[in-house]
Structure formats: C-alpha cells, structure tokens
Amino acid sequence: MRFTPTPRQLGEITREEVAKVAGQRILIVDDNAEVRRELRTLLPLAGDLEVVGEAADGAEAVRLAETLRPHVILLDLQMPVLDGYAAARRIKGRWPACRVVALTVHDDEVARQKASQAGVDVFLVKGSPLDALVEAIAGVADEFTAHR
C-alpha cells in the first residue's frame, strides 16, 4: 500500500482544499507501521495538517480519540484487538463531530455498508492517490466545523 504522490497528484490538490484542511488535527490508525509512517510523512506535504497521534489498533484509537480530540481519524478497518468498524461505532457514539475516514484494502459493497452503519463518513481504498485522501479530509473538515 503506497500513498506516494506524483508531482501531478500534489499539483491537483487545490488551494481551496489546502485551506479547508489547514489546522485539522489528524489521528492515524492502522496496524501496519509502514502505512502510519507514510501517512505521517505525506500528509503535511499536502497542507497544514497536524498529525496528533497514531494507533495500531481500534482500542488504542478510542483511547487516543478521547485524549487527543482529533478532528479527523484515518482508520483502517481490519485491525487486531478492536476492528475499525467497532472503533468507528464507539468513536462516533462518544464524539459525533469527529470525522472518520476509512482506509481499507476491501473495496466491496459489504465493507462499504458495514462501514456506513458504523458511522464512517468517507470510505477510501488504500492506494488511492494522495489528492483523493486530501479531498476526503477537506470534505469532512467542512462537516466537522459545522458540527462543533
């Protein structure tokens, strides 16, 4: 799974999207340390995003959501201890203004429906271009601001 942007992809991120993501507090949740590292490295290249923490499983994500109060959580759906579906359900139940962007390798209708039922705001397939991820964060950033 690579989020490595091409110069064209970084160039496709609009100024409006950069403005929308400015100051957004991001929590990265994935059991794969390489994925977390890539996201932590690449996201700041796309705008003024603050990665406030990282978690390797859903239970840790719930704990960190409470202490760090991120605006947006990038959440893998298949993880040990507590999967992303259950973590999303708990997070959205406690902090409905927090936005959850699911990142998964499972691009099927069952996974999409299950994620939606768990409260996931945006569903992205891992390996999507960086500009698609930034666009998703920009879209949910508007919603976060409206629900504060």
N, C-alpha and C. Protein backbone atom coordinates (compact mmCIF):
# COMPACT_ATOMS: atom_id res chain seq x y z
N MET A 1 0.84 -1.16 0.00
CA MET A 1 0.00 0.00 0.00
C MET A 1 0.89 1.23 0.00
N ARG A 2 0.77 2.02 -1.03
CA ARG A 2 1.61 3.20 -1.13
C ARG A 2 0.74 4.43 -1.35
N PHE A 3 1.04 5.49 -0.66
CA PHE A 3 0.39 6.77 -0.88
C PHE A 3 1.36 7.75 -1.52
N THR A 4 2.46 7.26 -2.08
CA THR A 4 3.47 8.14 -2.62
C THR A 4 2.87 8.98 -3.74
N PRO A 5 2.92 10.29 -3.58
CA PRO A 5 2.31 11.16 -4.59
C PRO A 5 3.25 11.41 -5.75
N THR A 6 2.66 11.57 -6.91
CA THR A 6 3.42 12.06 -8.04
C THR A 6 3.33 13.58 -7.99
N PRO A 7 4.23 14.29 -8.66
CA PRO A 7 4.11 15.75 -8.68
C PRO A 7 2.75 16.20 -9.22
N ARG A 8 2.21 15.44 -10.17
CA ARG A 8 0.90 15.79 -10.72
C ARG A 8 -0.17 15.68 -9.64
N GLN A 9 -0.12 14.63 -8.83
CA GLN A 9 -1.12 14.46 -7.78
C GLN A 9 -1.04 15.58 -6.76
N LEU A 10 0.16 15.96 -6.35
CA LEU A 10 0.28 17.07 -5.42
C LEU A 10 -0.23 18.36 -6.06
N GLY A 11 0.01 18.50 -7.36
CA GLY A 11 -0.46 19.68 -8.07
C GLY A 11 -1.97 19.73 -8.21
N GLU A 12 -2.63 18.57 -8.13
CA GLU A 12 -4.08 18.53 -8.26
C GLU A 12 -4.79 18.91 -6.98
N ILE A 13 -4.08 19.04 -5.91
CA ILE A 13 -4.68 19.47 -4.66
C ILE A 13 -4.91 20.97 -4.77
N THR A 14 -6.15 21.37 -4.72
CA THR A 14 -6.48 22.77 -4.95
C THR A 14 -6.17 23.64 -3.74
N ARG A 15 -6.04 24.92 -3.99
CA ARG A 15 -5.81 25.87 -2.90
C ARG A 15 -6.99 25.85 -1.92
N GLU A 16 -8.18 25.65 -2.46
CA GLU A 16 -9.37 25.58 -1.60
C GLU A 16 -9.28 24.38 -0.66
N GLU A 17 -8.84 23.23 -1.18
CA GLU A 17 -8.68 22.05 -0.33
C GLU A 17 -7.59 22.27 0.71
N VAL A 18 -6.50 22.89 0.30
CA VAL A 18 -5.42 23.19 1.25
C VAL A 18 -5.95 24.09 2.36
N ALA A 19 -6.75 25.07 2.01
CA ALA A 19 -7.32 25.98 3.01
C ALA A 19 -8.26 25.23 3.95
N LYS A 20 -9.04 24.31 3.41
CA LYS A 20 -10.00 23.56 4.23
C LYS A 20 -9.31 22.63 5.22
N VAL A 21 -8.18 22.07 4.83
CA VAL A 21 -7.50 21.13 5.72
C VAL A 21 -6.58 21.83 6.72
N ALA A 22 -6.36 23.12 6.53
CA ALA A 22 -5.45 23.85 7.41
C ALA A 22 -5.91 23.74 8.87
N GLY A 23 -4.98 23.33 9.70
CA GLY A 23 -5.26 23.24 11.13
C GLY A 23 -6.01 21.99 11.56
N GLN A 24 -6.32 21.12 10.63
CA GLN A 24 -7.04 19.89 11.00
C GLN A 24 -6.13 18.97 11.80
N ARG A 25 -6.65 18.47 12.90
CA ARG A 25 -5.92 17.55 13.78
C ARG A 25 -6.27 16.12 13.35
N ILE A 26 -5.25 15.37 12.95
CA ILE A 26 -5.44 14.05 12.36
C ILE A 26 -4.88 12.97 13.28
N LEU A 27 -5.67 11.91 13.47
CA LEU A 27 -5.22 10.70 14.16
C LEU A 27 -5.15 9.59 13.11
N ILE A 28 -3.99 8.95 12.99
CA ILE A 28 -3.78 7.87 12.03
C ILE A 28 -3.88 6.54 12.77
N VAL A 29 -4.74 5.65 12.26
CA VAL A 29 -4.96 4.36 12.91
C VAL A 29 -4.81 3.25 11.87
N ASP A 30 -3.76 2.46 12.03
CA ASP A 30 -3.52 1.33 11.14
C ASP A 30 -2.56 0.38 11.84
N ASP A 31 -2.78 -0.91 11.70
CA ASP A 31 -1.89 -1.87 12.36
C ASP A 31 -0.56 -2.02 11.62
N ASN A 32 -0.45 -1.46 10.44
CA ASN A 32 0.78 -1.52 9.66
C ASN A 32 1.60 -0.25 9.91
N ALA A 33 2.75 -0.42 10.55
CA ALA A 33 3.60 0.73 10.89
C ALA A 33 4.06 1.49 9.66
N GLU A 34 4.29 0.79 8.55
CA GLU A 34 4.72 1.46 7.32
C GLU A 34 3.63 2.40 6.79
N VAL A 35 2.40 1.96 6.85
CA VAL A 35 1.29 2.81 6.41
C VAL A 35 1.21 4.06 7.29
N ARG A 36 1.32 3.87 8.59
CA ARG A 36 1.28 5.02 9.50
C ARG A 36 2.42 5.99 9.19
N ARG A 37 3.60 5.46 8.96
CA ARG A 37 4.77 6.30 8.66
C ARG A 37 4.56 7.07 7.35
N GLU A 38 4.07 6.40 6.32
CA GLU A 38 3.82 7.07 5.04
C GLU A 38 2.83 8.21 5.19
N LEU A 39 1.74 7.95 5.88
CA LEU A 39 0.73 8.98 6.06
C LEU A 39 1.26 10.14 6.89
N ARG A 40 1.98 9.84 7.95
CA ARG A 40 2.55 10.88 8.81
C ARG A 40 3.53 11.76 8.02
N THR A 41 4.24 11.17 7.08
CA THR A 41 5.21 11.90 6.27
C THR A 41 4.55 12.70 5.15
N LEU A 42 3.57 12.09 4.48
CA LEU A 42 2.99 12.71 3.28
C LEU A 42 1.91 13.75 3.57
N LEU A 43 1.13 13.55 4.59
CA LEU A 43 0.01 14.47 4.83
C LEU A 43 0.45 15.93 4.99
N PRO A 44 1.50 16.21 5.74
CA PRO A 44 1.90 17.61 5.85
C PRO A 44 2.34 18.24 4.52
N LEU A 45 2.74 17.41 3.55
CA LEU A 45 3.11 17.94 2.23
C LEU A 45 1.90 18.50 1.51
N ALA A 46 0.73 18.04 1.87
CA ALA A 46 -0.49 18.42 1.18
C ALA A 46 -1.20 19.62 1.80
N GLY A 47 -0.72 20.09 2.91
CA GLY A 47 -1.38 21.22 3.56
C GLY A 47 -0.97 21.30 5.02
N ASP A 48 -1.56 22.24 5.70
CA ASP A 48 -1.24 22.50 7.10
C ASP A 48 -2.03 21.55 8.00
N LEU A 49 -1.71 20.26 7.90
CA LEU A 49 -2.36 19.23 8.71
C LEU A 49 -1.46 18.91 9.89
N GLU A 50 -2.07 18.68 11.04
CA GLU A 50 -1.31 18.30 12.23
C GLU A 50 -1.63 16.86 12.59
N VAL A 51 -0.68 15.97 12.42
CA VAL A 51 -0.86 14.59 12.86
C VAL A 51 -0.62 14.58 14.36
N VAL A 52 -1.71 14.37 15.12
CA VAL A 52 -1.62 14.47 16.58
C VAL A 52 -1.31 13.14 17.25
N GLY A 53 -1.46 12.04 16.51
CA GLY A 53 -1.16 10.75 17.11
C GLY A 53 -1.34 9.61 16.13
N GLU A 54 -0.92 8.44 16.61
CA GLU A 54 -1.02 7.21 15.82
C GLU A 54 -1.45 6.08 16.74
N ALA A 55 -2.22 5.16 16.19
CA ALA A 55 -2.64 3.98 16.93
C ALA A 55 -2.51 2.76 16.03
N ALA A 56 -2.24 1.62 16.65
CA ALA A 56 -2.05 0.37 15.90
C ALA A 56 -3.27 -0.55 15.97
N ASP A 57 -4.27 -0.19 16.77
CA ASP A 57 -5.50 -1.00 16.83
C ASP A 57 -6.67 -0.11 17.24
N GLY A 58 -7.86 -0.65 17.12
CA GLY A 58 -9.06 0.12 17.39
C GLY A 58 -9.22 0.55 18.84
N ALA A 59 -8.82 -0.29 19.78
CA ALA A 59 -8.94 0.07 21.19
C ALA A 59 -8.06 1.28 21.51
N GLU A 60 -6.84 1.26 20.98
CA GLU A 60 -5.94 2.39 21.18
C GLU A 60 -6.50 3.65 20.51
N ALA A 61 -7.15 3.48 19.37
CA ALA A 61 -7.76 4.61 18.66
C ALA A 61 -8.83 5.27 19.52
N VAL A 62 -9.66 4.48 20.17
CA VAL A 62 -10.71 5.04 21.02
C VAL A 62 -10.09 5.81 22.19
N ARG A 63 -9.07 5.23 22.82
CA ARG A 63 -8.39 5.91 23.92
C ARG A 63 -7.77 7.24 23.47
N LEU A 64 -7.09 7.20 22.32
CA LEU A 64 -6.43 8.42 21.83
C LEU A 64 -7.44 9.46 21.36
N ALA A 65 -8.56 9.02 20.82
CA ALA A 65 -9.59 9.97 20.42
C ALA A 65 -10.07 10.77 21.61
N GLU A 66 -10.17 10.12 22.76
CA GLU A 66 -10.62 10.82 23.96
C GLU A 66 -9.57 11.82 24.45
N THR A 67 -8.32 11.44 24.44
CA THR A 67 -7.29 12.33 25.00
C THR A 67 -6.81 13.38 24.00
N LEU A 68 -6.73 13.04 22.72
CA LEU A 68 -6.18 13.96 21.73
C LEU A 68 -7.22 14.82 21.03
N ARG A 69 -8.47 14.37 21.03
CA ARG A 69 -9.57 15.10 20.38
C ARG A 69 -9.25 15.50 18.93
N PRO A 70 -8.95 14.52 18.08
CA PRO A 70 -8.67 14.84 16.68
C PRO A 70 -9.94 15.30 15.97
N HIS A 71 -9.77 16.06 14.91
CA HIS A 71 -10.88 16.46 14.07
C HIS A 71 -11.25 15.33 13.11
N VAL A 72 -10.21 14.65 12.60
CA VAL A 72 -10.38 13.59 11.60
C VAL A 72 -9.54 12.38 12.01
N ILE A 73 -10.13 11.20 11.87
CA ILE A 73 -9.41 9.95 12.13
C ILE A 73 -9.33 9.17 10.83
N LEU A 74 -8.11 8.84 10.42
CA LEU A 74 -7.88 7.96 9.28
C LEU A 74 -7.78 6.57 9.85
N LEU A 75 -8.74 5.71 9.52
CA LEU A 75 -8.96 4.46 10.23
C LEU A 75 -8.96 3.25 9.31
N ASP A 76 -8.01 2.34 9.56
CA ASP A 76 -8.02 1.04 8.89
C ASP A 76 -9.20 0.26 9.46
N LEU A 77 -9.83 -0.57 8.65
CA LEU A 77 -10.99 -1.32 9.12
C LEU A 77 -10.64 -2.70 9.66
N GLN A 78 -9.56 -3.28 9.17
CA GLN A 78 -9.15 -4.62 9.60
C GLN A 78 -7.92 -4.51 10.49
N MET A 79 -8.15 -4.62 11.81
CA MET A 79 -7.06 -4.50 12.78
C MET A 79 -7.28 -5.47 13.93
N PRO A 80 -6.21 -5.74 14.68
CA PRO A 80 -6.35 -6.61 15.86
C PRO A 80 -7.00 -5.86 17.02
N VAL A 81 -7.30 -6.59 18.05
CA VAL A 81 -7.86 -6.12 19.32
C VAL A 81 -9.29 -5.62 19.14
N LEU A 82 -9.47 -4.53 18.42
CA LEU A 82 -10.79 -3.97 18.12
C LEU A 82 -10.74 -3.50 16.68
N ASP A 83 -11.60 -4.06 15.82
CA ASP A 83 -11.51 -3.69 14.40
C ASP A 83 -12.00 -2.27 14.18
N GLY A 84 -11.76 -1.76 13.00
CA GLY A 84 -12.11 -0.38 12.67
C GLY A 84 -13.60 -0.10 12.71
N TYR A 85 -14.41 -1.10 12.37
CA TYR A 85 -15.86 -0.92 12.41
C TYR A 85 -16.32 -0.63 13.84
N ALA A 86 -15.87 -1.46 14.78
CA ALA A 86 -16.25 -1.28 16.19
C ALA A 86 -15.67 0.00 16.75
N ALA A 87 -14.43 0.32 16.36
CA ALA A 87 -13.81 1.56 16.83
C ALA A 87 -14.59 2.77 16.32
N ALA A 88 -14.96 2.76 15.04
CA ALA A 88 -15.74 3.87 14.47
C ALA A 88 -17.06 4.04 15.21
N ARG A 89 -17.72 2.94 15.48
CA ARG A 89 -19.01 2.98 16.20
C ARG A 89 -18.83 3.63 17.58
N ARG A 90 -17.80 3.24 18.30
CA ARG A 90 -17.55 3.80 19.64
C ARG A 90 -17.18 5.29 19.56
N ILE A 91 -16.30 5.61 18.64
CA ILE A 91 -15.85 6.99 18.50
C ILE A 91 -17.01 7.91 18.11
N LYS A 92 -17.79 7.51 17.13
CA LYS A 92 -18.90 8.34 16.68
C LYS A 92 -19.99 8.42 17.75
N GLY A 93 -20.12 7.37 18.56
CA GLY A 93 -21.09 7.40 19.64
C GLY A 93 -20.72 8.39 20.73
N ARG A 94 -19.43 8.54 20.99
CA ARG A 94 -18.95 9.44 22.04
C ARG A 94 -18.67 10.85 21.53
N TRP A 95 -18.14 10.96 20.32
CA TRP A 95 -17.75 12.25 19.74
C TRP A 95 -18.29 12.36 18.32
N PRO A 96 -19.58 12.62 18.18
CA PRO A 96 -20.19 12.61 16.85
C PRO A 96 -19.60 13.64 15.88
N ALA A 97 -19.00 14.71 16.39
CA ALA A 97 -18.41 15.72 15.49
C ALA A 97 -17.11 15.24 14.87
N CYS A 98 -16.46 14.27 15.49
CA CYS A 98 -15.21 13.73 14.94
C CYS A 98 -15.53 13.02 13.63
N ARG A 99 -14.74 13.26 12.62
CA ARG A 99 -14.95 12.65 11.31
C ARG A 99 -14.03 11.46 11.12
N VAL A 100 -14.59 10.40 10.55
CA VAL A 100 -13.85 9.16 10.35
C VAL A 100 -13.74 8.86 8.86
N VAL A 101 -12.50 8.73 8.39
CA VAL A 101 -12.23 8.34 7.01
C VAL A 101 -11.66 6.93 7.06
N ALA A 102 -12.39 5.98 6.51
CA ALA A 102 -11.94 4.59 6.48
C ALA A 102 -10.94 4.40 5.34
N LEU A 103 -9.84 3.73 5.65
CA LEU A 103 -8.83 3.35 4.66
C LEU A 103 -8.73 1.84 4.71
N THR A 104 -9.05 1.18 3.61
CA THR A 104 -9.08 -0.28 3.62
C THR A 104 -8.69 -0.86 2.27
N VAL A 105 -8.28 -2.11 2.29
CA VAL A 105 -8.00 -2.82 1.04
C VAL A 105 -9.27 -3.48 0.50
N HIS A 106 -10.32 -3.52 1.30
CA HIS A 106 -11.56 -4.20 0.93
C HIS A 106 -12.50 -3.22 0.23
N ASP A 107 -12.57 -3.34 -1.08
CA ASP A 107 -13.41 -2.46 -1.88
C ASP A 107 -14.63 -3.22 -2.38
N ASP A 108 -15.48 -3.60 -1.44
CA ASP A 108 -16.69 -4.31 -1.84
C ASP A 108 -17.89 -3.67 -1.13
N GLU A 109 -19.06 -3.95 -1.64
CA GLU A 109 -20.27 -3.32 -1.13
C GLU A 109 -20.56 -3.70 0.32
N VAL A 110 -20.24 -4.92 0.71
CA VAL A 110 -20.48 -5.35 2.10
C VAL A 110 -19.64 -4.51 3.05
N ALA A 111 -18.36 -4.30 2.73
CA ALA A 111 -17.49 -3.49 3.58
C ALA A 111 -17.97 -2.05 3.63
N ARG A 112 -18.41 -1.52 2.50
CA ARG A 112 -18.91 -0.14 2.46
C ARG A 112 -20.16 0.01 3.32
N GLN A 113 -21.09 -0.93 3.22
CA GLN A 113 -22.31 -0.86 4.02
C GLN A 113 -22.01 -1.00 5.51
N LYS A 114 -21.15 -1.93 5.84
CA LYS A 114 -20.78 -2.13 7.24
C LYS A 114 -20.10 -0.87 7.80
N ALA A 115 -19.24 -0.26 7.01
CA ALA A 115 -18.56 0.97 7.44
C ALA A 115 -19.57 2.10 7.63
N SER A 116 -20.48 2.24 6.71
CA SER A 116 -21.50 3.27 6.82
C SER A 116 -22.36 3.08 8.07
N GLN A 117 -22.73 1.86 8.34
CA GLN A 117 -23.53 1.56 9.53
C GLN A 117 -22.75 1.84 10.81
N ALA A 118 -21.44 1.75 10.75
CA ALA A 118 -20.60 2.01 11.92
C ALA A 118 -20.36 3.51 12.14
N GLY A 119 -20.79 4.33 11.17
CA GLY A 119 -20.63 5.77 11.31
C GLY A 119 -19.48 6.38 10.53
N VAL A 120 -18.84 5.59 9.68
CA VAL A 120 -17.74 6.10 8.86
C VAL A 120 -18.28 7.17 7.92
N ASP A 121 -17.57 8.28 7.83
CA ASP A 121 -18.02 9.40 7.00
C ASP A 121 -17.58 9.26 5.54
N VAL A 122 -16.37 8.74 5.32
CA VAL A 122 -15.83 8.57 3.97
C VAL A 122 -15.12 7.23 3.91
N PHE A 123 -15.27 6.54 2.78
CA PHE A 123 -14.67 5.23 2.57
C PHE A 123 -13.68 5.36 1.43
N LEU A 124 -12.39 5.08 1.69
CA LEU A 124 -11.35 5.13 0.65
C LEU A 124 -10.60 3.81 0.61
N VAL A 125 -10.25 3.41 -0.58
CA VAL A 125 -9.46 2.20 -0.77
C VAL A 125 -7.99 2.57 -0.62
N LYS A 126 -7.26 1.77 0.13
CA LYS A 126 -5.81 2.00 0.28
C LYS A 126 -5.17 1.99 -1.09
N GLY A 127 -4.23 2.89 -1.26
CA GLY A 127 -3.57 3.02 -2.55
C GLY A 127 -4.20 4.11 -3.40
N SER A 128 -5.26 4.74 -2.89
CA SER A 128 -5.84 5.88 -3.60
C SER A 128 -4.80 6.99 -3.68
N PRO A 129 -4.89 7.83 -4.70
CA PRO A 129 -3.92 8.94 -4.79
C PRO A 129 -4.01 9.85 -3.57
N LEU A 130 -2.91 10.46 -3.24
CA LEU A 130 -2.86 11.37 -2.10
C LEU A 130 -3.89 12.48 -2.24
N ASP A 131 -4.09 12.98 -3.46
CA ASP A 131 -5.06 14.06 -3.63
C ASP A 131 -6.47 13.61 -3.27
N ALA A 132 -6.80 12.32 -3.48
CA ALA A 132 -8.12 11.81 -3.08
C ALA A 132 -8.26 11.80 -1.56
N LEU A 133 -7.19 11.47 -0.87
CA LEU A 133 -7.22 11.47 0.58
C LEU A 133 -7.37 12.90 1.11
N VAL A 134 -6.63 13.83 0.54
CA VAL A 134 -6.73 15.23 0.96
C VAL A 134 -8.13 15.77 0.65
N GLU A 135 -8.67 15.40 -0.49
CA GLU A 135 -10.03 15.82 -0.85
C GLU A 135 -11.03 15.29 0.17
N ALA A 136 -10.85 14.03 0.60
CA ALA A 136 -11.75 13.45 1.61
C ALA A 136 -11.63 14.20 2.94
N ILE A 137 -10.41 14.50 3.34
CA ILE A 137 -10.20 15.24 4.60
C ILE A 137 -10.81 16.64 4.48
N ALA A 138 -10.63 17.29 3.34
CA ALA A 138 -11.20 18.62 3.14
C ALA A 138 -12.73 18.57 3.22
N GLY A 139 -13.31 17.54 2.63
CA GLY A 139 -14.77 17.40 2.66
C GLY A 139 -15.31 17.20 4.06
N VAL A 140 -14.67 16.36 4.84
CA VAL A 140 -15.15 16.13 6.20
C VAL A 140 -14.76 17.26 7.13
N ALA A 141 -13.72 18.03 6.78
CA ALA A 141 -13.34 19.18 7.62
C ALA A 141 -14.47 20.20 7.65
N ASP A 142 -15.13 20.40 6.52
CA ASP A 142 -16.29 21.30 6.50
C ASP A 142 -17.37 20.80 7.44
N GLU A 143 -17.61 19.50 7.41
CA GLU A 143 -18.65 18.91 8.28
C GLU A 143 -18.26 19.03 9.74
N PHE A 144 -16.97 18.81 10.06
CA PHE A 144 -16.52 18.92 11.44
C PHE A 144 -16.78 20.33 11.96
N THR A 145 -16.40 21.31 11.18
CA THR A 145 -16.57 22.71 11.58
C THR A 145 -18.05 23.02 11.81
N ALA A 146 -18.92 22.49 10.97
CA ALA A 146 -20.35 22.74 11.10
C ALA A 146 -20.95 22.10 12.34
N HIS A 147 -20.36 21.00 12.82
CA HIS A 147 -20.91 20.26 13.96
C HIS A 147 -20.27 20.61 15.30
N ARG A 148 -19.32 21.53 15.32
CA ARG A 148 -18.65 21.88 16.58
C ARG A 148 -19.54 22.71 17.46
